[in-house]
Amino acid sequence: MLLAIDSGNTNIVFGVHDGTEWRGKWRSSTKAERTADEFAVWMSQLFTLEGIDRKSIHSAILSNVVPAINHSLISLCRTFFDAEPLVIGDPSVKLGIKVLIDHPSDPGADRLVNAVGAYVEHGGPLIVIDFGTATTFDVIDADGNYCGGVIAPAAAHSVDALHHAAAQLPRVDVKRPPTVIGKSTVPAMQSGVYWGYAGLIEGLVKRIREEAGMDMKVVATGGLAPLFAKATDVIDLLDGDVTLRGLLEIHRRNA
């Protein structure tokens, strides 16, 4: 079985695939100080709950955008699972796509993995919107190649910025308010964040399509994707498994 690890700035997702289906998917907060042993103890309990024998893990693949935690995750694969992980970004790991931008080493590993995972399921051309620590808009052409994209602040960062910059504004949840026109401070802030962000999504998708000169399917993933998919018609599909699917496909391409 394959252990796939997607380490982002906020969360780490672990998945186990048996060659046919995902046997388990788990999420942990990203903490740079966490050791391989700590991960191993946590995963042992989860494996037991799902009836997975850790000795059945024979291979691993890792996508990571937090350099400080890289050693712990690689050590976890080596010492606990006796598997040498494929690491996205290593020159020996073939993605099976072209990175058609000025500096091909620039994109985070997660964005390239998303390109692979979205294309194998949905074809192209595509715009993949990932609602993560940042919100990224990534463009994949008809052949599955990565063509660049846009990086925007996450909606939650807008809330934090308002709270820290204005003494009388509280921190609020990112949620859809009952009306666009807020009748008090909290719903007014929520409206600005929610509907303002919906406008950002619609505006960027429109400009990307115009600049590319073609219509593109829009696939959304990440924690807030279901929330904002309800705010706009430009999002065609929700797909929560884009990254893990991309890791699975890249592992197959390098097998």
C-alpha atoms as a PDB file:
ATOM      1  CA  MET A   1       0.000   0.000   0.000  1.00  0.00           C
ATOM      2  CA  LEU A   2       0.969   3.608  -0.579  1.00  0.00           C
ATOM      3  CA  LEU A   3       1.266   6.331   2.042  1.00  0.00           C
ATOM      4  CA  ALA A   4       0.635   9.758   0.496  1.00  0.00           C
ATOM      5  CA  ILE A   5       1.462  12.908   2.487  1.00  0.00           C
ATOM      6  CA  ASP A   6       0.396  16.423   1.550  1.00  0.00           C
ATOM      7  CA  SER A   7       2.028  18.915   3.934  1.00  0.00           C
ATOM      8  CA  GLY A   8       0.669  22.463   3.667  1.00  0.00           C
ATOM      9  CA  ASN A   9       1.236  25.589   5.702  1.00  0.00           C
ATOM     10  CA  THR A  10      -1.788  24.935   7.937  1.00  0.00           C
ATOM     11  CA  ASN A  11      -2.555  21.201   7.746  1.00  0.00           C
ATOM     12  CA  ILE A  12      -0.936  17.918   6.776  1.00  0.00           C
ATOM     13  CA  VAL A  13      -3.111  15.320   5.063  1.00  0.00           C
ATOM     14  CA  PHE A  14      -2.130  11.645   5.198  1.00  0.00           C
ATOM     15  CA  GLY A  15      -3.752   9.058   2.953  1.00  0.00           C
ATOM     16  CA  VAL A  16      -3.320   5.303   2.525  1.00  0.00           C
ATOM     17  CA  HIS A  17      -4.190   3.738  -0.852  1.00  0.00           C
ATOM     18  CA  ASP A  18      -4.298  -0.011  -1.413  1.00  0.00           C
ATOM     19  CA  GLY A  19      -4.061   0.137  -5.200  1.00  0.00           C
ATOM     20  CA  THR A  20      -7.833   0.225  -5.618  1.00  0.00           C
ATOM     21  CA  GLU A  21      -9.196   2.674  -3.086  1.00  0.00           C
ATOM     22  CA  TRP A  22      -8.259   4.990  -0.227  1.00  0.00           C
ATOM     23  CA  ARG A  23      -8.271   2.988   3.000  1.00  0.00           C
ATOM     24  CA  GLY A  24      -7.916   6.043   5.191  1.00  0.00           C
ATOM     25  CA  LYS A  25      -7.453   9.817   5.124  1.00  0.00           C
ATOM     26  CA  TRP A  26      -6.395  11.861   8.132  1.00  0.00           C
ATOM     27  CA  ARG A  27      -5.560  15.484   8.849  1.00  0.00           C
ATOM     28  CA  SER A  28      -3.104  16.990  11.333  1.00  0.00           C
ATOM     29  CA  SER A  29      -2.107  20.566  12.060  1.00  0.00           C
ATOM     30  CA  THR A  30       1.269  21.563  10.633  1.00  0.00           C
ATOM     31  CA  LYS A  31       3.726  22.094  13.488  1.00  0.00           C
ATOM     32  CA  ALA A  32       7.371  22.347  12.517  1.00  0.00           C
ATOM     33  CA  GLU A  33       8.554  21.117  15.904  1.00  0.00           C
ATOM     34  CA  ARG A  34       6.672  17.811  15.679  1.00  0.00           C
ATOM     35  CA  THR A  35       9.055  14.858  15.415  1.00  0.00           C
ATOM     36  CA  ALA A  36       8.835  11.681  13.353  1.00  0.00           C
ATOM     37  CA  ASP A  37       8.197   9.710  16.553  1.00  0.00           C
ATOM     38  CA  GLU A  38       5.238  11.929  17.449  1.00  0.00           C
ATOM     39  CA  PHE A  39       3.736  11.449  14.007  1.00  0.00           C
ATOM     40  CA  ALA A  40       4.300   7.695  14.326  1.00  0.00           C
ATOM     41  CA  VAL A  41       2.437   7.443  17.649  1.00  0.00           C
ATOM     42  CA  TRP A  42      -0.503   9.438  16.271  1.00  0.00           C
ATOM     43  CA  MET A  43      -0.649   7.400  13.066  1.00  0.00           C
ATOM     44  CA  SER A  44      -0.388   4.073  14.923  1.00  0.00           C
ATOM     45  CA  GLN A  45      -3.644   4.833  16.697  1.00  0.00           C
ATOM     46  CA  LEU A  46      -5.395   5.831  13.479  1.00  0.00           C
ATOM     47  CA  PHE A  47      -4.109   2.753  11.651  1.00  0.00           C
ATOM     48  CA  THR A  48      -5.458   0.564  14.451  1.00  0.00           C
ATOM     49  CA  LEU A  49      -8.892   2.191  14.220  1.00  0.00           C
ATOM     50  CA  GLU A  50      -9.011   1.504  10.459  1.00  0.00           C
ATOM     51  CA  GLY A  51      -7.552  -1.992  10.716  1.00  0.00           C
ATOM     52  CA  ILE A  52      -4.438  -1.126   8.702  1.00  0.00           C
ATOM     53  CA  ASP A  53      -1.151  -2.904   9.400  1.00  0.00           C
ATOM     54  CA  ARG A  54       1.714  -0.437   9.084  1.00  0.00           C
ATOM     55  CA  LYS A  55       3.866  -3.248   7.668  1.00  0.00           C
ATOM     56  CA  SER A  56       1.557  -3.300   4.637  1.00  0.00           C
ATOM     57  CA  ILE A  57       2.888   0.149   3.615  1.00  0.00           C
ATOM     58  CA  HIS A  58       5.547  -0.480   0.975  1.00  0.00           C
ATOM     59  CA  SER A  59       5.904   2.941  -0.648  1.00  0.00           C
ATOM     60  CA  ALA A  60       5.405   6.625   0.134  1.00  0.00           C
ATOM     61  CA  ILE A  61       5.171   9.966  -1.630  1.00  0.00           C
ATOM     62  CA  LEU A  62       5.480  13.422  -0.088  1.00  0.00           C
ATOM     63  CA  SER A  63       4.442  16.909  -1.162  1.00  0.00           C
ATOM     64  CA  ASN A  64       5.621  19.570   1.271  1.00  0.00           C
ATOM     65  CA  VAL A  65       5.721  23.383   1.266  1.00  0.00           C
ATOM     66  CA  VAL A  66       7.100  23.782   4.815  1.00  0.00           C
ATOM     67  CA  PRO A  67      10.862  23.135   4.717  1.00  0.00           C
ATOM     68  CA  ALA A  68      11.186  22.983   8.514  1.00  0.00           C
ATOM     69  CA  ILE A  69       9.057  19.836   8.731  1.00  0.00           C
ATOM     70  CA  ASN A  70      10.567  18.012   5.767  1.00  0.00           C
ATOM     71  CA  HIS A  71      13.105  16.025   7.800  1.00  0.00           C
ATOM     72  CA  SER A  72      10.475  14.718  10.227  1.00  0.00           C
ATOM     73  CA  LEU A  73       8.156  13.539   7.467  1.00  0.00           C
ATOM     74  CA  ILE A  74      10.932  11.835   5.515  1.00  0.00           C
ATOM     75  CA  SER A  75      12.177  10.196   8.725  1.00  0.00           C
ATOM     76  CA  LEU A  76       8.637   9.004   9.459  1.00  0.00           C
ATOM     77  CA  CYS A  77       8.502   7.224   6.098  1.00  0.00           C
ATOM     78  CA  ARG A  78      11.959   5.712   6.474  1.00  0.00           C
ATOM     79  CA  THR A  79      11.962   4.592  10.108  1.00  0.00           C
ATOM     80  CA  PHE A  80       8.309   3.781  10.791  1.00  0.00           C
ATOM     81  CA  PHE A  81       7.278   2.410   7.402  1.00  0.00           C
ATOM     82  CA  ASP A  82      10.652   1.349   5.960  1.00  0.00           C
ATOM     83  CA  ALA A  83       9.765   3.238   2.768  1.00  0.00           C
ATOM     84  CA  GLU A  84      11.949   5.710   0.891  1.00  0.00           C
ATOM     85  CA  PRO A  85       9.511   8.467  -0.097  1.00  0.00           C
ATOM     86  CA  LEU A  86       9.263  10.098  -3.485  1.00  0.00           C
ATOM     87  CA  VAL A  87       9.554  13.828  -2.751  1.00  0.00           C
ATOM     88  CA  ILE A  88       7.842  16.283  -5.107  1.00  0.00           C
ATOM     89  CA  GLY A  89      10.460  18.749  -6.272  1.00  0.00           C
ATOM     90  CA  ASP A  90      13.301  16.257  -6.312  1.00  0.00           C
ATOM     91  CA  PRO A  91      14.766  16.206  -9.847  1.00  0.00           C
ATOM     92  CA  SER A  92      14.430  12.429  -9.968  1.00  0.00           C
ATOM     93  CA  VAL A  93      10.643  12.587  -9.533  1.00  0.00           C
ATOM     94  CA  LYS A  94       8.831  12.974 -12.843  1.00  0.00           C
ATOM     95  CA  LEU A  95       5.493  14.782 -12.758  1.00  0.00           C
ATOM     96  CA  GLY A  96       4.545  13.867 -16.312  1.00  0.00           C
ATOM     97  CA  ILE A  97       3.635  17.475 -17.165  1.00  0.00           C
ATOM     98  CA  LYS A  98       5.454  20.535 -18.468  1.00  0.00           C
ATOM     99  CA  VAL A  99       5.753  23.596 -16.243  1.00  0.00           C
ATOM    100  CA  LEU A 100       5.303  26.395 -18.766  1.00  0.00           C
ATOM    101  CA  ILE A 101       6.327  29.445 -16.732  1.00  0.00           C
ATOM    102  CA  ASP A 102       9.361  31.735 -16.563  1.00  0.00           C
ATOM    103  CA  HIS A 103      10.900  29.967 -13.556  1.00  0.00           C
ATOM    104  CA  PRO A 104       9.712  26.327 -13.460  1.00  0.00           C
ATOM    105  CA  SER A 105      11.057  25.847  -9.923  1.00  0.00           C
ATOM    106  CA  ASP A 106       8.826  28.616  -8.529  1.00  0.00           C
ATOM    107  CA  PRO A 107       5.452  26.883  -7.963  1.00  0.00           C
ATOM    108  CA  GLY A 108       4.882  25.145  -4.649  1.00  0.00           C
ATOM    109  CA  ALA A 109       4.769  21.368  -4.789  1.00  0.00           C
ATOM    110  CA  ASP A 110       1.072  21.401  -3.913  1.00  0.00           C
ATOM    111  CA  ARG A 111       0.158  23.508  -6.948  1.00  0.00           C
ATOM    112  CA  LEU A 112       1.901  21.144  -9.350  1.00  0.00           C
ATOM    113  CA  VAL A 113       0.373  18.096  -7.670  1.00  0.00           C
ATOM    114  CA  ASN A 114      -3.055  19.753  -7.936  1.00  0.00           C
ATOM    115  CA  ALA A 115      -2.494  20.249 -11.660  1.00  0.00           C
ATOM    116  CA  VAL A 116      -1.888  16.526 -12.101  1.00  0.00           C
ATOM    117  CA  GLY A 117      -4.737  15.465  -9.825  1.00  0.00           C
ATOM    118  CA  ALA A 118      -7.299  17.759 -11.418  1.00  0.00           C
ATOM    119  CA  TYR A 119      -6.335  16.934 -15.006  1.00  0.00           C
ATOM    120  CA  VAL A 120      -6.462  13.140 -14.651  1.00  0.00           C
ATOM    121  CA  GLU A 121     -10.014  13.391 -13.296  1.00  0.00           C
ATOM    122  CA  HIS A 122     -11.489  16.337 -15.202  1.00  0.00           C
ATOM    123  CA  GLY A 123      -9.359  16.850 -18.319  1.00  0.00           C
ATOM    124  CA  GLY A 124      -8.412  20.305 -19.516  1.00  0.00           C
ATOM    125  CA  PRO A 125      -8.207  23.192 -19.919  1.00  0.00           C
ATOM    126  CA  LEU A 126      -8.871  23.927 -16.263  1.00  0.00           C
ATOM    127  CA  ILE A 127      -8.640  26.534 -13.549  1.00  0.00           C
ATOM    128  CA  VAL A 128      -8.023  24.926 -10.156  1.00  0.00           C
ATOM    129  CA  ILE A 129      -8.927  27.135  -7.192  1.00  0.00           C
ATOM    130  CA  ASP A 130      -7.404  25.878  -3.945  1.00  0.00           C
ATOM    131  CA  PHE A 131      -8.805  27.514  -0.807  1.00  0.00           C
ATOM    132  CA  GLY A 132      -5.842  26.916   1.491  1.00  0.00           C
ATOM    133  CA  THR A 133      -3.602  29.124   3.613  1.00  0.00           C
ATOM    134  CA  ALA A 134      -3.510  31.257   0.483  1.00  0.00           C
ATOM    135  CA  THR A 135      -6.102  30.980  -2.274  1.00  0.00           C
ATOM    136  CA  THR A 136      -4.448  29.916  -5.516  1.00  0.00           C
ATOM    137  CA  PHE A 137      -5.840  29.935  -9.045  1.00  0.00           C
ATOM    138  CA  ASP A 138      -3.829  27.554 -11.230  1.00  0.00           C
ATOM    139  CA  VAL A 139      -4.187  27.222 -14.998  1.00  0.00           C
ATOM    140  CA  ILE A 140      -3.813  23.839 -16.711  1.00  0.00           C
ATOM    141  CA  ASP A 141      -3.929  23.624 -20.498  1.00  0.00           C
ATOM    142  CA  ALA A 142      -5.657  21.056 -22.709  1.00  0.00           C
ATOM    143  CA  ASP A 143      -2.613  18.768 -22.500  1.00  0.00           C
ATOM    144  CA  GLY A 144      -2.384  18.870 -18.703  1.00  0.00           C
ATOM    145  CA  ASN A 145       0.565  21.256 -18.536  1.00  0.00           C
ATOM    146  CA  TYR A 146       0.911  23.842 -15.786  1.00  0.00           C
ATOM    147  CA  CYS A 147       0.686  27.371 -17.215  1.00  0.00           C
ATOM    148  CA  GLY A 148       0.919  29.592 -14.126  1.00  0.00           C
ATOM    149  CA  GLY A 149      -1.717  31.235 -12.023  1.00  0.00           C
ATOM    150  CA  VAL A 150      -2.653  33.687  -9.313  1.00  0.00           C
ATOM    151  CA  ILE A 151      -1.962  33.777  -5.558  1.00  0.00           C
ATOM    152  CA  ALA A 152      -4.441  35.713  -3.412  1.00  0.00           C
ATOM    153  CA  PRO A 153      -4.742  36.123   0.372  1.00  0.00           C
ATOM    154  CA  ALA A 154      -7.118  33.687   2.024  1.00  0.00           C
ATOM    155  CA  ALA A 155     -10.495  34.997   3.147  1.00  0.00           C
ATOM    156  CA  ALA A 156      -9.529  34.393   6.771  1.00  0.00           C
ATOM    157  CA  HIS A 157      -6.569  36.746   6.347  1.00  0.00           C
ATOM    158  CA  SER A 158      -8.953  39.535   5.400  1.00  0.00           C
ATOM    159  CA  VAL A 159     -10.805  38.973   8.669  1.00  0.00           C
ATOM    160  CA  ASP A 160      -7.545  39.035  10.645  1.00  0.00           C
ATOM    161  CA  ALA A 161      -6.402  42.201   8.865  1.00  0.00           C
ATOM    162  CA  LEU A 162      -9.630  44.012   9.752  1.00  0.00           C
ATOM    163  CA  HIS A 163      -9.442  42.880  13.370  1.00  0.00           C
ATOM    164  CA  HIS A 164      -5.812  43.914  13.858  1.00  0.00           C
ATOM    165  CA  ALA A 165      -5.978  47.181  11.925  1.00  0.00           C
ATOM    166  CA  ALA A 166      -9.175  48.583  13.444  1.00  0.00           C
ATOM    167  CA  ALA A 167      -9.421  48.712  17.224  1.00  0.00           C
ATOM    168  CA  GLN A 168     -13.218  48.416  17.369  1.00  0.00           C
ATOM    169  CA  LEU A 169     -13.658  45.602  14.862  1.00  0.00           C
ATOM    170  CA  PRO A 170     -13.919  42.066  16.282  1.00  0.00           C
ATOM    171  CA  ARG A 171     -12.628  38.878  14.723  1.00  0.00           C
ATOM    172  CA  VAL A 172     -15.508  37.147  12.934  1.00  0.00           C
ATOM    173  CA  ASP A 173     -16.082  33.801  11.265  1.00  0.00           C
ATOM    174  CA  VAL A 174     -15.995  33.562   7.498  1.00  0.00           C
ATOM    175  CA  LYS A 175     -19.592  32.724   6.686  1.00  0.00           C
ATOM    176  CA  ARG A 176     -22.422  33.788   4.425  1.00  0.00           C
ATOM    177  CA  PRO A 177     -24.446  36.564   6.095  1.00  0.00           C
ATOM    178  CA  PRO A 178     -28.253  36.590   5.813  1.00  0.00           C
ATOM    179  CA  THR A 179     -28.200  39.811   3.740  1.00  0.00           C
ATOM    180  CA  VAL A 180     -25.622  41.767   1.756  1.00  0.00           C
ATOM    181  CA  ILE A 181     -26.400  44.950   3.679  1.00  0.00           C
ATOM    182  CA  GLY A 182     -25.300  44.356   7.260  1.00  0.00           C
ATOM    183  CA  LYS A 183     -27.487  45.863   9.999  1.00  0.00           C
ATOM    184  CA  SER A 184     -24.715  45.666  12.609  1.00  0.00           C
ATOM    185  CA  THR A 185     -20.919  45.414  12.698  1.00  0.00           C
ATOM    186  CA  VAL A 186     -20.485  41.628  12.589  1.00  0.00           C
ATOM    187  CA  PRO A 187     -22.797  40.889   9.617  1.00  0.00           C
ATOM    188  CA  ALA A 188     -21.405  43.952   7.823  1.00  0.00           C
ATOM    189  CA  MET A 189     -17.877  42.532   8.193  1.00  0.00           C
ATOM    190  CA  GLN A 190     -19.018  39.063   7.155  1.00  0.00           C
ATOM    191  CA  SER A 191     -20.716  40.511   4.089  1.00  0.00           C
ATOM    192  CA  GLY A 192     -17.588  42.394   3.083  1.00  0.00           C
ATOM    193  CA  VAL A 193     -15.428  39.306   3.397  1.00  0.00           C
ATOM    194  CA  TYR A 194     -17.868  36.787   1.901  1.00  0.00           C
ATOM    195  CA  TRP A 195     -19.305  38.797  -0.986  1.00  0.00           C
ATOM    196  CA  GLY A 196     -16.058  40.653  -1.563  1.00  0.00           C
ATOM    197  CA  TYR A 197     -14.287  37.331  -1.916  1.00  0.00           C
ATOM    198  CA  ALA A 198     -16.988  36.028  -4.235  1.00  0.00           C
ATOM    199  CA  GLY A 199     -16.341  39.076  -6.404  1.00  0.00           C
ATOM    200  CA  LEU A 200     -12.606  38.357  -6.345  1.00  0.00           C
ATOM    201  CA  ILE A 201     -13.240  34.787  -7.531  1.00  0.00           C
ATOM    202  CA  GLU A 202     -15.562  35.872 -10.332  1.00  0.00           C
ATOM    203  CA  GLY A 203     -13.292  38.691 -11.444  1.00  0.00           C
ATOM    204  CA  LEU A 204     -10.132  36.593 -11.563  1.00  0.00           C
ATOM    205  CA  VAL A 205     -11.798  33.683 -13.362  1.00  0.00           C
ATOM    206  CA  LYS A 206     -13.202  36.093 -15.949  1.00  0.00           C
ATOM    207  CA  ARG A 207      -9.812  37.765 -16.506  1.00  0.00           C
ATOM    208  CA  ILE A 208      -7.948  34.440 -16.697  1.00  0.00           C
ATOM    209  CA  ARG A 209     -10.369  33.145 -19.325  1.00  0.00           C
ATOM    210  CA  GLU A 210     -10.112  36.365 -21.336  1.00  0.00           C
ATOM    211  CA  GLU A 211      -6.317  36.377 -21.217  1.00  0.00           C
ATOM    212  CA  ALA A 212      -6.115  32.684 -22.146  1.00  0.00           C
ATOM    213  CA  GLY A 213      -8.636  33.228 -24.935  1.00  0.00           C
ATOM    214  CA  MET A 214     -10.689  30.168 -24.078  1.00  0.00           C
ATOM    215  CA  ASP A 215     -13.363  28.859 -21.778  1.00  0.00           C
ATOM    216  CA  MET A 216     -12.042  26.729 -18.922  1.00  0.00           C
ATOM    217  CA  LYS A 217     -13.741  24.467 -16.437  1.00  0.00           C
ATOM    218  CA  VAL A 218     -13.280  25.670 -12.852  1.00  0.00           C
ATOM    219  CA  VAL A 219     -12.567  23.103 -10.132  1.00  0.00           C
ATOM    220  CA  ALA A 220     -12.474  24.155  -6.468  1.00  0.00           C
ATOM    221  CA  THR A 221     -10.767  22.352  -3.599  1.00  0.00           C
ATOM    222  CA  GLY A 222      -9.678  23.160  -0.065  1.00  0.00           C
ATOM    223  CA  GLY A 223     -11.448  23.910   3.201  1.00  0.00           C
ATOM    224  CA  LEU A 224     -13.612  26.870   2.164  1.00  0.00           C
ATOM    225  CA  ALA A 225     -14.409  25.608  -1.331  1.00  0.00           C
ATOM    226  CA  PRO A 226     -17.958  24.406  -0.439  1.00  0.00           C
ATOM    227  CA  LEU A 227     -18.744  27.748   1.212  1.00  0.00           C
ATOM    228  CA  PHE A 228     -17.717  29.903  -1.733  1.00  0.00           C
ATOM    229  CA  ALA A 229     -19.117  27.524  -4.356  1.00  0.00           C
ATOM    230  CA  LYS A 230     -22.532  28.585  -3.043  1.00  0.00           C
ATOM    231  CA  ALA A 231     -21.682  32.241  -3.676  1.00  0.00           C
ATOM    232  CA  THR A 232     -20.925  32.089  -7.384  1.00  0.00           C
ATOM    233  CA  ASP A 233     -21.804  30.196 -10.560  1.00  0.00           C
ATOM    234  CA  VAL A 234     -18.257  30.308 -11.966  1.00  0.00           C
ATOM    235  CA  ILE A 235     -17.204  27.274  -9.894  1.00  0.00           C
ATOM    236  CA  ASP A 236     -18.217  24.209 -11.904  1.00  0.00           C
ATOM    237  CA  LEU A 237     -17.042  21.389  -9.638  1.00  0.00           C
ATOM    238  CA  LEU A 238     -16.047  20.705  -6.054  1.00  0.00           C
ATOM    239  CA  ASP A 239     -13.264  18.147  -5.669  1.00  0.00           C
ATOM    240  CA  GLY A 240     -11.792  17.567  -2.225  1.00  0.00           C
ATOM    241  CA  ASP A 241      -9.392  14.840  -3.384  1.00  0.00           C
ATOM    242  CA  VAL A 242      -7.387  16.780  -5.980  1.00  0.00           C
ATOM    243  CA  THR A 243      -4.064  16.725  -4.120  1.00  0.00           C
ATOM    244  CA  LEU A 244      -4.127  13.139  -2.888  1.00  0.00           C
ATOM    245  CA  ARG A 245      -5.224  11.997  -6.356  1.00  0.00           C
ATOM    246  CA  GLY A 246      -2.313  13.926  -7.842  1.00  0.00           C
ATOM    247  CA  LEU A 247       0.137  12.246  -5.476  1.00  0.00           C
ATOM    248  CA  LEU A 248      -1.297   8.837  -6.345  1.00  0.00           C
ATOM    249  CA  GLU A 249      -0.966   9.535 -10.088  1.00  0.00           C
ATOM    250  CA  ILE A 250       2.604  10.852  -9.768  1.00  0.00           C
ATOM    251  CA  HIS A 251       3.558   7.750  -7.795  1.00  0.00           C
ATOM    252  CA  ARG A 252       2.146   5.584 -10.579  1.00  0.00           C
ATOM    253  CA  ARG A 253       4.089   7.576 -13.180  1.00  0.00           C
ATOM    254  CA  ASN A 254       7.314   6.944 -11.254  1.00  0.00           C
ATOM    255  CA  ALA A 255       6.669   3.301 -10.330  1.00  0.00           C
END
